[in-house]
Amino acid sequence: MQLTMGKRELELGGKYLGRLRESNDLLEYPADLRERMEEEGYLLIRGLHRRTSVEAVRDRMLAALDANGQIDRSAPVPLAVAAPGGRGAFLGGSKELTRSEEFLHVVEGPEVMSWFARFLRADVLTFDYKWLRVVAPGEFTGAHYDVVYMGRGTHNLFT
């Protein structure tokens, strides 16, 4: 199957693009999760957050995008159809959404923070500044290295 990534066509299952490997089977084994992270460079964990919490953030995000003219109003807003010519949005930093109780509960609430504390066997913390990007259809953020912006002297960082 061919997929478009940015302006390139890539074969799913080919040299550069494959399916992500789930790690839920290792949730009770932090050492195995750390080993998988070392091997794969990522962990795919489904169901870490409560669905209702994620939906509450999604509703706020869609409202912000709609207020900015980014949602096609000929379709129901919950379908999140991008407006023609939609350019996406940056909702990070001190924007209302990234300071909302709903958003902060998902990105720094007990589910994620306690998971990371167990995974890393250490106290964990998060940045006050949150990077939240909405990317328009057919666009992408481009390959980038988060540690440049977030590392601040350490590579002991997970995004």
C-alpha atoms as a PDB file:
ATOM      1  CA  MET A   1       0.000   0.000   0.000  1.00  0.00           C
ATOM      2  CA  GLN A   2       1.359   3.428  -0.984  1.00  0.00           C
ATOM      3  CA  LEU A   3       0.959   6.294   1.494  1.00  0.00           C
ATOM      4  CA  THR A   4       1.736   9.971   1.078  1.00  0.00           C
ATOM      5  CA  MET A   5       4.069  11.435   3.694  1.00  0.00           C
ATOM      6  CA  GLY A   6       4.581  15.135   3.060  1.00  0.00           C
ATOM      7  CA  LYS A   7       5.291  15.205  -0.659  1.00  0.00           C
ATOM      8  CA  ARG A   8       6.652  11.656  -0.911  1.00  0.00           C
ATOM      9  CA  GLU A   9       4.965   8.365  -1.691  1.00  0.00           C
ATOM     10  CA  LEU A  10       6.118   5.546   0.587  1.00  0.00           C
ATOM     11  CA  GLU A  11       5.311   1.854   0.615  1.00  0.00           C
ATOM     12  CA  LEU A  12       3.767   0.649   3.890  1.00  0.00           C
ATOM     13  CA  GLY A  13       5.922  -2.290   4.916  1.00  0.00           C
ATOM     14  CA  GLY A  14       8.785  -1.057   2.759  1.00  0.00           C
ATOM     15  CA  LYS A  15      12.229   0.151   3.725  1.00  0.00           C
ATOM     16  CA  TYR A  16      11.116   3.450   5.290  1.00  0.00           C
ATOM     17  CA  LEU A  17       7.580   2.934   6.610  1.00  0.00           C
ATOM     18  CA  GLY A  18       6.064   0.157   8.688  1.00  0.00           C
ATOM     19  CA  ARG A  19       3.385  -0.504  11.258  1.00  0.00           C
ATOM     20  CA  LEU A  20       4.152   0.498  14.831  1.00  0.00           C
ATOM     21  CA  ARG A  21       4.638  -2.330  17.295  1.00  0.00           C
ATOM     22  CA  GLU A  22       2.270  -2.232  20.267  1.00  0.00           C
ATOM     23  CA  SER A  23       3.734  -2.458  23.765  1.00  0.00           C
ATOM     24  CA  ASN A  24       0.626  -2.976  25.897  1.00  0.00           C
ATOM     25  CA  ASP A  25       1.690  -6.591  26.502  1.00  0.00           C
ATOM     26  CA  LEU A  26       4.672  -5.247  28.472  1.00  0.00           C
ATOM     27  CA  LEU A  27       2.863  -2.716  30.678  1.00  0.00           C
ATOM     28  CA  GLU A  28       3.479  -4.767  33.831  1.00  0.00           C
ATOM     29  CA  TYR A  29       7.175  -5.155  32.990  1.00  0.00           C
ATOM     30  CA  PRO A  30       8.919  -1.749  33.063  1.00  0.00           C
ATOM     31  CA  ALA A  31      12.365  -3.288  32.437  1.00  0.00           C
ATOM     32  CA  ASP A  32      11.041  -4.910  29.254  1.00  0.00           C
ATOM     33  CA  LEU A  33       9.480  -1.598  28.222  1.00  0.00           C
ATOM     34  CA  ARG A  34      12.820   0.147  28.699  1.00  0.00           C
ATOM     35  CA  GLU A  35      14.500  -2.532  26.583  1.00  0.00           C
ATOM     36  CA  ARG A  36      11.888  -2.155  23.829  1.00  0.00           C
ATOM     37  CA  MET A  37      12.335   1.619  23.926  1.00  0.00           C
ATOM     38  CA  GLU A  38      16.066   1.138  23.460  1.00  0.00           C
ATOM     39  CA  GLU A  39      15.484  -1.246  20.538  1.00  0.00           C
ATOM     40  CA  GLU A  40      12.657   0.543  18.728  1.00  0.00           C
ATOM     41  CA  GLY A  41      13.090   4.188  19.742  1.00  0.00           C
ATOM     42  CA  TYR A  42       9.406   4.476  20.644  1.00  0.00           C
ATOM     43  CA  LEU A  43       6.627   2.788  22.626  1.00  0.00           C
ATOM     44  CA  LEU A  44       3.077   2.485  21.309  1.00  0.00           C
ATOM     45  CA  ILE A  45       0.743   2.184  24.279  1.00  0.00           C
ATOM     46  CA  ARG A  46      -2.987   2.171  23.682  1.00  0.00           C
ATOM     47  CA  GLY A  47      -5.573   3.119  26.280  1.00  0.00           C
ATOM     48  CA  LEU A  48      -3.281   4.937  28.705  1.00  0.00           C
ATOM     49  CA  HIS A  49      -5.696   7.870  28.909  1.00  0.00           C
ATOM     50  CA  ARG A  50      -9.406   7.742  29.639  1.00  0.00           C
ATOM     51  CA  ARG A  51     -11.396   8.187  26.456  1.00  0.00           C
ATOM     52  CA  THR A  52     -13.644  10.811  28.078  1.00  0.00           C
ATOM     53  CA  SER A  53     -10.590  12.893  29.032  1.00  0.00           C
ATOM     54  CA  VAL A  54      -9.235  12.835  25.482  1.00  0.00           C
ATOM     55  CA  GLU A  55     -12.667  13.638  24.030  1.00  0.00           C
ATOM     56  CA  ALA A  56     -12.985  16.671  26.329  1.00  0.00           C
ATOM     57  CA  VAL A  57      -9.684  18.042  24.993  1.00  0.00           C
ATOM     58  CA  ARG A  58     -10.728  17.241  21.424  1.00  0.00           C
ATOM     59  CA  ASP A  59     -13.978  19.203  21.887  1.00  0.00           C
ATOM     60  CA  ARG A  60     -12.048  22.245  23.161  1.00  0.00           C
ATOM     61  CA  MET A  61      -9.540  21.937  20.323  1.00  0.00           C
ATOM     62  CA  LEU A  62     -12.285  21.756  17.691  1.00  0.00           C
ATOM     63  CA  ALA A  63     -13.991  24.799  19.231  1.00  0.00           C
ATOM     64  CA  ALA A  64     -10.713  26.750  19.019  1.00  0.00           C
ATOM     65  CA  LEU A  65     -10.147  25.668  15.413  1.00  0.00           C
ATOM     66  CA  ASP A  66     -13.748  26.479  14.513  1.00  0.00           C
ATOM     67  CA  ALA A  67     -13.447  29.957  16.044  1.00  0.00           C
ATOM     68  CA  ASN A  68     -10.335  30.442  13.871  1.00  0.00           C
ATOM     69  CA  GLY A  69     -12.150  29.422  10.670  1.00  0.00           C
ATOM     70  CA  GLN A  70     -10.248  26.145  10.345  1.00  0.00           C
ATOM     71  CA  ILE A  71     -13.302  23.834  10.427  1.00  0.00           C
ATOM     72  CA  ASP A  72     -15.580  23.285   7.408  1.00  0.00           C
ATOM     73  CA  ARG A  73     -19.015  24.278   8.702  1.00  0.00           C
ATOM     74  CA  SER A  74     -20.816  22.377   5.910  1.00  0.00           C
ATOM     75  CA  ALA A  75     -20.017  19.227   7.914  1.00  0.00           C
ATOM     76  CA  PRO A  76     -20.820  18.656  11.596  1.00  0.00           C
ATOM     77  CA  VAL A  77     -18.020  20.143  13.735  1.00  0.00           C
ATOM     78  CA  PRO A  78     -17.372  16.811  15.570  1.00  0.00           C
ATOM     79  CA  LEU A  79     -16.283  15.289  12.239  1.00  0.00           C
ATOM     80  CA  ALA A  80     -13.362  17.757  12.252  1.00  0.00           C
ATOM     81  CA  VAL A  81     -13.408  18.346   8.494  1.00  0.00           C
ATOM     82  CA  ALA A  82     -10.794  20.945   7.642  1.00  0.00           C
ATOM     83  CA  ALA A  83     -12.024  24.107   5.964  1.00  0.00           C
ATOM     84  CA  PRO A  84     -10.953  24.524   2.332  1.00  0.00           C
ATOM     85  CA  GLY A  85      -7.515  26.105   2.383  1.00  0.00           C
ATOM     86  CA  GLY A  86      -7.179  25.308   6.084  1.00  0.00           C
ATOM     87  CA  ARG A  87      -3.669  25.902   7.299  1.00  0.00           C
ATOM     88  CA  GLY A  88      -3.743  24.227  10.697  1.00  0.00           C
ATOM     89  CA  ALA A  89      -2.827  26.074  13.843  1.00  0.00           C
ATOM     90  CA  PHE A  90      -0.315  26.342  16.622  1.00  0.00           C
ATOM     91  CA  LEU A  91      -2.134  26.072  19.941  1.00  0.00           C
ATOM     92  CA  GLY A  92       0.860  25.738  22.225  1.00  0.00           C
ATOM     93  CA  GLY A  93       2.587  28.001  24.671  1.00  0.00           C
ATOM     94  CA  SER A  94       0.293  30.093  26.795  1.00  0.00           C
ATOM     95  CA  LYS A  95      -2.761  29.639  24.581  1.00  0.00           C
ATOM     96  CA  GLU A  96      -6.050  29.036  26.360  1.00  0.00           C
ATOM     97  CA  LEU A  97      -6.290  25.388  25.281  1.00  0.00           C
ATOM     98  CA  THR A  98      -2.874  24.365  26.593  1.00  0.00           C
ATOM     99  CA  ARG A  99      -3.657  26.036  29.911  1.00  0.00           C
ATOM    100  CA  SER A 100      -7.098  24.413  30.240  1.00  0.00           C
ATOM    101  CA  GLU A 101      -7.834  21.913  32.982  1.00  0.00           C
ATOM    102  CA  GLU A 102      -8.931  19.326  30.401  1.00  0.00           C
ATOM    103  CA  PHE A 103      -5.703  19.516  28.403  1.00  0.00           C
ATOM    104  CA  LEU A 104      -3.423  19.541  31.425  1.00  0.00           C
ATOM    105  CA  HIS A 105      -5.219  16.525  32.889  1.00  0.00           C
ATOM    106  CA  VAL A 106      -4.321  14.527  29.768  1.00  0.00           C
ATOM    107  CA  VAL A 107      -0.716  15.675  29.289  1.00  0.00           C
ATOM    108  CA  GLU A 108       0.367  15.906  32.920  1.00  0.00           C
ATOM    109  CA  GLY A 109      -2.343  14.106  34.854  1.00  0.00           C
ATOM    110  CA  PRO A 110      -1.837  11.121  37.125  1.00  0.00           C
ATOM    111  CA  GLU A 111      -2.187   8.498  34.374  1.00  0.00           C
ATOM    112  CA  VAL A 112       0.746   9.743  32.322  1.00  0.00           C
ATOM    113  CA  MET A 113       2.949  11.040  35.141  1.00  0.00           C
ATOM    114  CA  SER A 114       2.689   7.880  37.244  1.00  0.00           C
ATOM    115  CA  TRP A 115       3.286   5.770  34.139  1.00  0.00           C
ATOM    116  CA  PHE A 116       6.510   7.650  33.367  1.00  0.00           C
ATOM    117  CA  ALA A 117       7.650   7.548  37.004  1.00  0.00           C
ATOM    118  CA  ARG A 118       7.296   3.773  36.949  1.00  0.00           C
ATOM    119  CA  PHE A 119       8.880   3.441  33.498  1.00  0.00           C
ATOM    120  CA  LEU A 120      11.859   5.628  34.399  1.00  0.00           C
ATOM    121  CA  ARG A 121      12.135   4.549  38.063  1.00  0.00           C
ATOM    122  CA  ALA A 122      12.434   8.206  39.036  1.00  0.00           C
ATOM    123  CA  ASP A 123      10.499  11.358  39.772  1.00  0.00           C
ATOM    124  CA  VAL A 124       9.343  12.993  36.558  1.00  0.00           C
ATOM    125  CA  LEU A 125       8.368  16.474  35.506  1.00  0.00           C
ATOM    126  CA  THR A 126       6.970  18.202  32.478  1.00  0.00           C
ATOM    127  CA  PHE A 127       7.517  21.542  30.789  1.00  0.00           C
ATOM    128  CA  ASP A 128       5.206  24.446  31.574  1.00  0.00           C
ATOM    129  CA  TYR A 129       5.278  25.298  27.871  1.00  0.00           C
ATOM    130  CA  LYS A 130       3.334  22.792  25.755  1.00  0.00           C
ATOM    131  CA  TRP A 131       3.894  22.370  22.020  1.00  0.00           C
ATOM    132  CA  LEU A 132       0.536  21.648  20.342  1.00  0.00           C
ATOM    133  CA  ARG A 133       0.305  21.744  16.570  1.00  0.00           C
ATOM    134  CA  VAL A 134      -2.662  21.075  14.316  1.00  0.00           C
ATOM    135  CA  VAL A 135      -1.509  20.161  10.833  1.00  0.00           C
ATOM    136  CA  ALA A 136      -3.677  20.806   7.765  1.00  0.00           C
ATOM    137  CA  PRO A 137      -4.550  17.957   5.380  1.00  0.00           C
ATOM    138  CA  GLY A 138      -1.703  17.293   2.973  1.00  0.00           C
ATOM    139  CA  GLU A 139       0.787  19.094   5.199  1.00  0.00           C
ATOM    140  CA  PHE A 140       3.187  17.897   7.890  1.00  0.00           C
ATOM    141  CA  THR A 141       5.542  19.366  10.451  1.00  0.00           C
ATOM    142  CA  GLY A 142       8.567  18.072   8.612  1.00  0.00           C
ATOM    143  CA  ALA A 143      11.145  15.873  10.228  1.00  0.00           C
ATOM    144  CA  HIS A 144      12.474  17.559  13.322  1.00  0.00           C
ATOM    145  CA  TYR A 145      14.342  16.817  16.495  1.00  0.00           C
ATOM    146  CA  ASP A 146      12.452  17.678  19.685  1.00  0.00           C
ATOM    147  CA  VAL A 147      15.559  17.598  21.887  1.00  0.00           C
ATOM    148  CA  VAL A 148      16.804  20.782  20.200  1.00  0.00           C
ATOM    149  CA  TYR A 149      13.831  22.686  21.630  1.00  0.00           C
ATOM    150  CA  MET A 150      13.148  20.666  24.745  1.00  0.00           C
ATOM    151  CA  GLY A 151      16.480  19.102  25.735  1.00  0.00           C
ATOM    152  CA  ARG A 152      17.875  22.072  27.589  1.00  0.00           C
ATOM    153  CA  GLY A 153      21.028  20.184  28.456  1.00  0.00           C
ATOM    154  CA  THR A 154      19.682  16.643  28.738  1.00  0.00           C
ATOM    155  CA  HIS A 155      18.848  13.819  26.390  1.00  0.00           C
ATOM    156  CA  ASN A 156      16.833  12.116  29.133  1.00  0.00           C
ATOM    157  CA  LEU A 157      13.635  13.311  27.477  1.00  0.00           C
ATOM    158  CA  PHE A 158      10.528  11.608  26.142  1.00  0.00           C
ATOM    159  CA  THR A 159       7.900  13.198  23.893  1.00  0.00           C
END
